[in-house]
Amino acid sequence: MTSETHYDPYTGRPVDAGAEVGADSSSVAVRLGLEPPRFCAECGRRMVVQIVPDGWSSVCSRHGLIDSAATGRR
């Protein structure tokens, strides 16, 4: 039996498997989908985030690139 830990991409804290992403964040921008993820959801590491005119991109040193186009927010 394996237990994979997932992390909130906005706070970096571990979350339960059934929890809603960003639910524990008090930021209005996160709830509206305006804030890009700052932490990797798989490992909890801080990501390098770049804001561009039509969206954002985040890079985890272990898991690679996450783009706003891939998440449907562009």
PDB file of N, CA and C in Angstrom:
ATOM      1  N   MET A   1       0.844  -1.176   0.000  1.00  0.00           N
ATOM      2  CA  MET A   1       0.000   0.000   0.000  1.00  0.00           C
ATOM      3  C   MET A   1       0.887   1.236   0.000  1.00  0.00           C
ATOM      4  N   THR A   2       0.760   2.062  -1.029  1.00  0.00           N
ATOM      5  CA  THR A   2       1.568   3.270  -1.117  1.00  0.00           C
ATOM      6  C   THR A   2       0.720   4.484  -0.804  1.00  0.00           C
ATOM      7  N   SER A   3       1.333   5.438  -0.157  1.00  0.00           N
ATOM      8  CA  SER A   3       0.649   6.669   0.206  1.00  0.00           C
ATOM      9  C   SER A   3       1.396   7.837  -0.414  1.00  0.00           C
ATOM     10  N   GLU A   4       0.823   8.420  -1.462  1.00  0.00           N
ATOM     11  CA  GLU A   4       1.459   9.553  -2.109  1.00  0.00           C
ATOM     12  C   GLU A   4       0.990  10.835  -1.447  1.00  0.00           C
ATOM     13  N   THR A   5       1.936  11.664  -1.057  1.00  0.00           N
ATOM     14  CA  THR A   5       1.618  12.954  -0.469  1.00  0.00           C
ATOM     15  C   THR A   5       1.549  13.986  -1.575  1.00  0.00           C
ATOM     16  N   HIS A   6       0.499  14.798  -1.547  1.00  0.00           N
ATOM     17  CA  HIS A   6       0.360  15.900  -2.492  1.00  0.00           C
ATOM     18  C   HIS A   6       0.391  17.196  -1.712  1.00  0.00           C
ATOM     19  N   TYR A   7       0.746  18.277  -2.393  1.00  0.00           N
ATOM     20  CA  TYR A   7       0.933  19.566  -1.738  1.00  0.00           C
ATOM     21  C   TYR A   7       0.059  20.627  -2.390  1.00  0.00           C
ATOM     22  N   ASP A   8      -0.347  21.602  -1.589  1.00  0.00           N
ATOM     23  CA  ASP A   8      -1.115  22.725  -2.111  1.00  0.00           C
ATOM     24  C   ASP A   8      -0.173  23.581  -2.954  1.00  0.00           C
ATOM     25  N   PRO A   9      -0.496  23.828  -4.231  1.00  0.00           N
ATOM     26  CA  PRO A   9       0.418  24.582  -5.089  1.00  0.00           C
ATOM     27  C   PRO A   9       0.510  26.070  -4.754  1.00  0.00           C
ATOM     28  N   TYR A  10      -0.330  26.541  -3.845  1.00  0.00           N
ATOM     29  CA  TYR A  10      -0.306  27.959  -3.477  1.00  0.00           C
ATOM     30  C   TYR A  10       0.345  28.205  -2.121  1.00  0.00           C
ATOM     31  N   THR A  11       0.375  27.178  -1.256  1.00  0.00           N
ATOM     32  CA  THR A  11       0.966  27.344   0.068  1.00  0.00           C
ATOM     33  C   THR A  11       2.157  26.424   0.311  1.00  0.00           C
ATOM     34  N   GLY A  12       2.239  25.306  -0.411  1.00  0.00           N
ATOM     35  CA  GLY A  12       3.321  24.349  -0.226  1.00  0.00           C
ATOM     36  C   GLY A  12       3.080  23.364   0.901  1.00  0.00           C
ATOM     37  N   ARG A  13       1.918  23.450   1.549  1.00  0.00           N
ATOM     38  CA  ARG A  13       1.611  22.539   2.656  1.00  0.00           C
ATOM     39  C   ARG A  13       1.019  21.222   2.155  1.00  0.00           C
ATOM     40  N   PRO A  14       1.291  20.117   2.843  1.00  0.00           N
ATOM     41  CA  PRO A  14       0.687  18.834   2.452  1.00  0.00           C
ATOM     42  C   PRO A  14      -0.836  18.907   2.564  1.00  0.00           C
ATOM     43  N   VAL A  15      -1.531  18.245   1.622  1.00  0.00           N
ATOM     44  CA  VAL A  15      -2.994  18.208   1.633  1.00  0.00           C
ATOM     45  C   VAL A  15      -3.471  16.775   1.512  1.00  0.00           C
ATOM     46  N   ASP A  16      -4.703  16.539   1.935  1.00  0.00           N
ATOM     47  CA  ASP A  16      -5.321  15.228   1.792  1.00  0.00           C
ATOM     48  C   ASP A  16      -5.685  14.993   0.329  1.00  0.00           C
ATOM     49  N   ALA A  17      -5.804  13.741  -0.053  1.00  0.00           N
ATOM     50  CA  ALA A  17      -6.083  13.398  -1.447  1.00  0.00           C
ATOM     51  C   ALA A  17      -7.418  13.967  -1.925  1.00  0.00           C
ATOM     52  N   GLY A  18      -8.408  14.056  -1.063  1.00  0.00           N
ATOM     53  CA  GLY A  18      -9.724  14.537  -1.470  1.00  0.00           C
ATOM     54  C   GLY A  18      -9.935  16.024  -1.306  1.00  0.00           C
ATOM     55  N   ALA A  19      -8.934  16.742  -0.824  1.00  0.00           N
ATOM     56  CA  ALA A  19      -9.091  18.174  -0.555  1.00  0.00           C
ATOM     57  C   ALA A  19      -9.066  18.985  -1.847  1.00  0.00           C
ATOM     58  N   GLU A  20      -9.784  20.105  -1.838  1.00  0.00           N
ATOM     59  CA  GLU A  20      -9.821  21.001  -2.990  1.00  0.00           C
ATOM     60  C   GLU A  20      -8.538  21.828  -3.037  1.00  0.00           C
ATOM     61  N   VAL A  21      -7.980  22.002  -4.234  1.00  0.00           N
ATOM     62  CA  VAL A  21      -6.748  22.777  -4.408  1.00  0.00           C
ATOM     63  C   VAL A  21      -7.006  24.228  -4.054  1.00  0.00           C
ATOM     64  N   GLY A  22      -6.159  24.783  -3.193  1.00  0.00           N
ATOM     65  CA  GLY A  22      -6.280  26.179  -2.804  1.00  0.00           C
ATOM     66  C   GLY A  22      -7.365  26.444  -1.783  1.00  0.00           C
ATOM     67  N   ALA A  23      -7.996  25.404  -1.245  1.00  0.00           N
ATOM     68  CA  ALA A  23      -9.112  25.586  -0.318  1.00  0.00           C
ATOM     69  C   ALA A  23      -8.678  26.236   0.988  1.00  0.00           C
ATOM     70  N   ASP A  24      -7.454  25.961   1.451  1.00  0.00           N
ATOM     71  CA  ASP A  24      -7.011  26.525   2.723  1.00  0.00           C
ATOM     72  C   ASP A  24      -6.351  27.892   2.558  1.00  0.00           C
ATOM     73  N   SER A  25      -6.242  28.374   1.336  1.00  0.00           N
ATOM     74  CA  SER A  25      -5.638  29.683   1.097  1.00  0.00           C
ATOM     75  C   SER A  25      -6.683  30.768   1.290  1.00  0.00           C
ATOM     76  N   SER A  26      -6.281  31.855   1.916  1.00  0.00           N
ATOM     77  CA  SER A  26      -7.225  32.943   2.157  1.00  0.00           C
ATOM     78  C   SER A  26      -7.163  34.004   1.066  1.00  0.00           C
ATOM     79  N   SER A  27      -6.327  33.829   0.075  1.00  0.00           N
ATOM     80  CA  SER A  27      -6.160  34.816  -0.984  1.00  0.00           C
ATOM     81  C   SER A  27      -7.345  34.798  -1.953  1.00  0.00           C
ATOM     82  N   VAL A  28      -7.903  35.961  -2.199  1.00  0.00           N
ATOM     83  CA  VAL A  28      -9.001  36.083  -3.151  1.00  0.00           C
ATOM     84  C   VAL A  28      -8.507  35.761  -4.562  1.00  0.00           C
ATOM     85  N   ALA A  29      -7.284  36.166  -4.888  1.00  0.00           N
ATOM     86  CA  ALA A  29      -6.719  35.903  -6.214  1.00  0.00           C
ATOM     87  C   ALA A  29      -6.610  34.404  -6.490  1.00  0.00           C
ATOM     88  N   VAL A  30      -6.280  33.614  -5.477  1.00  0.00           N
ATOM     89  CA  VAL A  30      -6.202  32.161  -5.649  1.00  0.00           C
ATOM     90  C   VAL A  30      -7.586  31.608  -5.924  1.00  0.00           C
ATOM     91  N   ARG A  31      -8.571  32.041  -5.160  1.00  0.00           N
ATOM     92  CA  ARG A  31      -9.934  31.546  -5.345  1.00  0.00           C
ATOM     93  C   ARG A  31     -10.503  31.934  -6.706  1.00  0.00           C
ATOM     94  N   LEU A  32     -10.098  33.073  -7.243  1.00  0.00           N
ATOM     95  CA  LEU A  32     -10.570  33.516  -8.557  1.00  0.00           C
ATOM     96  C   LEU A  32      -9.760  32.925  -9.708  1.00  0.00           C
ATOM     97  N   GLY A  33      -8.663  32.254  -9.393  1.00  0.00           N
ATOM     98  CA  GLY A  33      -7.823  31.661 -10.426  1.00  0.00           C
ATOM     99  C   GLY A  33      -6.848  32.633 -11.053  1.00  0.00           C
ATOM    100  N   LEU A  34      -6.578  33.754 -10.391  1.00  0.00           N
ATOM    101  CA  LEU A  34      -5.684  34.765 -10.936  1.00  0.00           C
ATOM    102  C   LEU A  34      -4.235  34.585 -10.499  1.00  0.00           C
ATOM    103  N   GLU A  35      -4.009  33.850  -9.442  1.00  0.00           N
ATOM    104  CA  GLU A  35      -2.665  33.664  -8.889  1.00  0.00           C
ATOM    105  C   GLU A  35      -2.055  32.376  -9.441  1.00  0.00           C
ATOM    106  N   PRO A  36      -0.841  32.431  -9.996  1.00  0.00           N
ATOM    107  CA  PRO A  36      -0.204  31.204 -10.476  1.00  0.00           C
ATOM    108  C   PRO A  36       0.283  30.361  -9.296  1.00  0.00           C
ATOM    109  N   PRO A  37       0.390  29.050  -9.481  1.00  0.00           N
ATOM    110  CA  PRO A  37       0.914  28.204  -8.413  1.00  0.00           C
ATOM    111  C   PRO A  37       2.375  28.527  -8.141  1.00  0.00           C
ATOM    112  N   ARG A  38       2.743  28.598  -6.879  1.00  0.00           N
ATOM    113  CA  ARG A  38       4.123  28.933  -6.491  1.00  0.00           C
ATOM    114  C   ARG A  38       4.900  27.713  -6.009  1.00  0.00           C
ATOM    115  N   PHE A  39       4.193  26.622  -5.706  1.00  0.00           N
ATOM    116  CA  PHE A  39       4.822  25.402  -5.200  1.00  0.00           C
ATOM    117  C   PHE A  39       4.394  24.222  -6.063  1.00  0.00           C
ATOM    118  N   CYS A  40       5.272  23.238  -6.203  1.00  0.00           N
ATOM    119  CA  CYS A  40       4.969  22.034  -6.970  1.00  0.00           C
ATOM    120  C   CYS A  40       3.955  21.193  -6.197  1.00  0.00           C
ATOM    121  N   ALA A  41       2.891  20.765  -6.864  1.00  0.00           N
ATOM    122  CA  ALA A  41       1.857  19.960  -6.217  1.00  0.00           C
ATOM    123  C   ALA A  41       2.335  18.540  -5.933  1.00  0.00           C
ATOM    124  N   GLU A  42       3.387  18.090  -6.609  1.00  0.00           N
ATOM    125  CA  GLU A  42       3.891  16.735  -6.413  1.00  0.00           C
ATOM    126  C   GLU A  42       4.930  16.621  -5.310  1.00  0.00           C
ATOM    127  N   CYS A  43       5.790  17.652  -5.164  1.00  0.00           N
ATOM    128  CA  CYS A  43       6.877  17.538  -4.185  1.00  0.00           C
ATOM    129  C   CYS A  43       6.907  18.673  -3.162  1.00  0.00           C
ATOM    130  N   GLY A  44       6.148  19.741  -3.374  1.00  0.00           N
ATOM    131  CA  GLY A  44       6.098  20.845  -2.423  1.00  0.00           C
ATOM    132  C   GLY A  44       7.244  21.833  -2.534  1.00  0.00           C
ATOM    133  N   ARG A  45       8.128  21.645  -3.528  1.00  0.00           N
ATOM    134  CA  ARG A  45       9.247  22.580  -3.699  1.00  0.00           C
ATOM    135  C   ARG A  45       8.762  23.891  -4.305  1.00  0.00           C
ATOM    136  N   ARG A  46       9.443  24.971  -3.952  1.00  0.00           N
ATOM    137  CA  ARG A  46       9.156  26.289  -4.521  1.00  0.00           C
ATOM    138  C   ARG A  46       9.523  26.278  -6.002  1.00  0.00           C
ATOM    139  N   MET A  47       8.650  26.811  -6.849  1.00  0.00           N
ATOM    140  CA  MET A  47       8.902  26.834  -8.283  1.00  0.00           C
ATOM    141  C   MET A  47       9.315  28.235  -8.738  1.00  0.00           C
ATOM    142  N   VAL A  48      10.010  28.287  -9.868  1.00  0.00           N
ATOM    143  CA  VAL A  48      10.356  29.553 -10.511  1.00  0.00           C
ATOM    144  C   VAL A  48       9.157  29.922 -11.382  1.00  0.00           C
ATOM    145  N   VAL A  49       8.537  31.072 -11.106  1.00  0.00           N
ATOM    146  CA  VAL A  49       7.324  31.488 -11.810  1.00  0.00           C
ATOM    147  C   VAL A  49       7.626  32.701 -12.673  1.00  0.00           C
ATOM    148  N   GLN A  50       7.149  32.661 -13.906  1.00  0.00           N
ATOM    149  CA  GLN A  50       7.284  33.805 -14.802  1.00  0.00           C
ATOM    150  C   GLN A  50       5.897  34.197 -15.289  1.00  0.00           C
ATOM    151  N   ILE A  51       5.561  35.479 -15.089  1.00  0.00           N
ATOM    152  CA  ILE A  51       4.291  36.021 -15.551  1.00  0.00           C
ATOM    153  C   ILE A  51       4.521  36.631 -16.934  1.00  0.00           C
ATOM    154  N   VAL A  52       3.695  36.239 -17.891  1.00  0.00           N
ATOM    155  CA  VAL A  52       3.762  36.780 -19.246  1.00  0.00           C
ATOM    156  C   VAL A  52       2.420  37.436 -19.555  1.00  0.00           C
ATOM    157  N   PRO A  53       2.341  38.282 -20.585  1.00  0.00           N
ATOM    158  CA  PRO A  53       1.091  39.000 -20.856  1.00  0.00           C
ATOM    159  C   PRO A  53      -0.143  38.115 -21.038  1.00  0.00           C
ATOM    160  N   ASP A  54       0.030  36.918 -21.558  1.00  0.00           N
ATOM    161  CA  ASP A  54      -1.135  36.063 -21.788  1.00  0.00           C
ATOM    162  C   ASP A  54      -1.222  34.876 -20.831  1.00  0.00           C
ATOM    163  N   GLY A  55      -0.536  34.917 -19.699  1.00  0.00           N
ATOM    164  CA  GLY A  55      -0.611  33.830 -18.726  1.00  0.00           C
ATOM    165  C   GLY A  55       0.611  33.763 -17.836  1.00  0.00           C
ATOM    166  N   TRP A  56       1.037  32.549 -17.498  1.00  0.00           N
ATOM    167  CA  TRP A  56       2.191  32.345 -16.637  1.00  0.00           C
ATOM    168  C   TRP A  56       2.807  30.991 -16.950  1.00  0.00           C
ATOM    169  N   SER A  57       4.037  30.796 -16.480  1.00  0.00           N
ATOM    170  CA  SER A  57       4.682  29.488 -16.531  1.00  0.00           C
ATOM    171  C   SER A  57       5.440  29.285 -15.230  1.00  0.00           C
ATOM    172  N   SER A  58       5.441  28.051 -14.744  1.00  0.00           N
ATOM    173  CA  SER A  58       6.134  27.692 -13.510  1.00  0.00           C
ATOM    174  C   SER A  58       7.023  26.497 -13.795  1.00  0.00           C
ATOM    175  N   VAL A  59       8.215  26.497 -13.207  1.00  0.00           N
ATOM    176  CA  VAL A  59       9.155  25.401 -13.424  1.00  0.00           C
ATOM    177  C   VAL A  59       9.586  24.832 -12.080  1.00  0.00           C
ATOM    178  N   CYS A  60       9.366  23.521 -11.911  1.00  0.00           N
ATOM    179  CA  CYS A  60       9.849  22.790 -10.738  1.00  0.00           C
ATOM    180  C   CYS A  60      11.191  22.171 -11.112  1.00  0.00           C
ATOM    181  N   SER A  61      12.146  22.230 -10.202  1.00  0.00           N
ATOM    182  CA  SER A  61      13.470  21.671 -10.488  1.00  0.00           C
ATOM    183  C   SER A  61      13.424  20.156 -10.662  1.00  0.00           C
ATOM    184  N   ARG A  62      12.413  19.497 -10.128  1.00  0.00           N
ATOM    185  CA  ARG A  62      12.293  18.040 -10.230  1.00  0.00           C
ATOM    186  C   ARG A  62      11.282  17.583 -11.283  1.00  0.00           C
ATOM    187  N   HIS A  63      10.177  18.334 -11.452  1.00  0.00           N
ATOM    188  CA  HIS A  63       9.076  17.864 -12.284  1.00  0.00           C
ATOM    189  C   HIS A  63       8.839  18.667 -13.552  1.00  0.00           C
ATOM    190  N   GLY A  64       9.622  19.707 -13.784  1.00  0.00           N
ATOM    191  CA  GLY A  64       9.551  20.428 -15.049  1.00  0.00           C
ATOM    192  C   GLY A  64       8.536  21.555 -15.109  1.00  0.00           C
ATOM    193  N   LEU A  65       8.097  21.854 -16.329  1.00  0.00           N
ATOM    194  CA  LEU A  65       7.288  23.023 -16.644  1.00  0.00           C
ATOM    195  C   LEU A  65       5.793  22.775 -16.464  1.00  0.00           C
ATOM    196  N   ILE A  66       5.117  23.753 -15.876  1.00  0.00           N
ATOM    197  CA  ILE A  66       3.659  23.813 -15.825  1.00  0.00           C
ATOM    198  C   ILE A  66       3.294  25.160 -16.431  1.00  0.00           C
ATOM    199  N   ASP A  67       2.377  25.152 -17.391  1.00  0.00           N
ATOM    200  CA  ASP A  67       2.017  26.363 -18.120  1.00  0.00           C
ATOM    201  C   ASP A  67       0.531  26.643 -17.935  1.00  0.00           C
ATOM    202  N   SER A  68       0.151  27.911 -17.921  1.00  0.00           N
ATOM    203  CA  SER A  68      -1.260  28.252 -17.758  1.00  0.00           C
ATOM    204  C   SER A  68      -2.099  27.716 -18.916  1.00  0.00           C
ATOM    205  N   ALA A  69      -1.522  27.545 -20.096  1.00  0.00           N
ATOM    206  CA  ALA A  69      -2.257  26.969 -21.220  1.00  0.00           C
ATOM    207  C   ALA A  69      -2.612  25.508 -20.939  1.00  0.00           C
ATOM    208  N   ALA A  70      -1.731  24.791 -20.262  1.00  0.00           N
ATOM    209  CA  ALA A  70      -1.971  23.383 -19.944  1.00  0.00           C
ATOM    210  C   ALA A  70      -3.058  23.218 -18.890  1.00  0.00           C
ATOM    211  N   THR A  71      -3.239  24.226 -18.049  1.00  0.00           N
ATOM    212  CA  THR A  71      -4.259  24.146 -17.002  1.00  0.00           C
ATOM    213  C   THR A  71      -5.572  24.781 -17.424  1.00  0.00           C
ATOM    214  N   GLY A  72      -5.639  25.303 -18.649  1.00  0.00           N
ATOM    215  CA  GLY A  72      -6.870  25.905 -19.148  1.00  0.00           C
ATOM    216  C   GLY A  72      -7.128  27.303 -18.640  1.00  0.00           C
ATOM    217  N   ARG A  73      -6.100  27.982 -18.183  1.00  0.00           N
ATOM    218  CA  ARG A  73      -6.268  29.334 -17.648  1.00  0.00           C
ATOM    219  C   ARG A  73      -5.691  30.399 -18.569  1.00  0.00           C
ATOM    220  N   ARG A  74      -5.407  30.042 -19.803  1.00  0.00           N
ATOM    221  CA  ARG A  74      -4.877  31.030 -20.756  1.00  0.00           C
ATOM    222  C   ARG A  74      -5.848  31.183 -21.888  1.00  0.00           C
TER     223      ARG A  74
END
